[in-house]
Amino acid sequence: MESSAIILDGKSLSEKIRKEIREEIEGYVQKGYRPPCLAVVLVGEDPPSLVYVKNKRKACESVGIKSLFYHLPHNTNLSELLDLIAELNAREDVDGILVQLPLPNHIPMEEVILAISPKKDVDGFHPENMGRLLGRIEGGFIPCTPLGIDLLLKHYNIELKGKDVAIVGAGFIVGRPLSALLLWRDATVSVCHIHTKDIKKYTLEADILISATGVPHLIKGDMVKEGAVVVDVGISKVGEKILGDVDFEAVKEKAYAITPVPGGVGPMTVSALLLNTLKAYEKKTSLSIQPVIS
């Protein structure tokens, strides 16, 4: 029987967002302003990170954002990385700074995140931006995957207010900031993690189920409530197949709406990064920078 589940198409929405960003930047450039600029820093040769950085830089190029790429060797020490971040913080022509995670084990992530200026922290991980998110204070940067999910749900008119939401995965990049954002949207949020006794108890009660673990097909059909909205953040390569956290074929028979993998949350995460970079540019300048053409 053909599923009636709505496919939450992050790819098509992402293209629409990028078109709007491109038109906005073209308008600034036509008035004589420089384009926005994102500095991307990668330490080491982690294969997935190399792919993510390539995709992010390609996305920047597609909308007219200038990207600077700093590829540092794996044996780069903390001091060298912090020196580069300080230099990028000071540069007037750099609006956003992104240090690709994960970092090599010998570099403490916390110190790197703290070193990035909150005004250029387009990943949204600095404590000032996280604090704004927790405090429901406008003006900060929301981490890219939570922001992308929020935009996707909003586009499909999926109400969050008063809904029971289960997030599977309590990671720093997705689960924790996403829980704060959904609370901001007045949802009732449960966060499941490795020590949760009975994950299925929470997922079966959820109007909206979001999984961000990177465990292929963790979420089975019998773990989902009839008519739930299911958002799959996970992505894993198993042999030649790309799989999400959710058993898509089984779950789509029960869900009201579901994201595909790939083509769901991934493109929205990158578009959220572009939006944050444009926001950093506009906030930093208040469009009061001197036009490059006088």
Foldseek 3Di string as FASTA:
>chain_A
DDFLAAALFLQVVLVVLLVVLLVVQVVLVVVQAQGFEEEEEEEACDPVLVVVVVVLCVSCVSSVYHYHYHYHYLPDAQVNLLVVQVVLQPDPRHLAYHYDDDHPPRHDPLVNLCSHDQLRHQQQQHPVSLVCLLVVNPDGHQHQLLVLVVVSCVVVVNQLAAFEEEEEDCDSSPNVSNQSNSVSSNHHYDYHYPPDPDSLVRQQRGLEYEYDDQDFQLAAQSSHHAAHEYEWPHWDQDPNDIGTNHPCVNNSNRYNYYYDPPRHSVSSSSSSSSVSSVSSVCVSCVSVDDRNPD
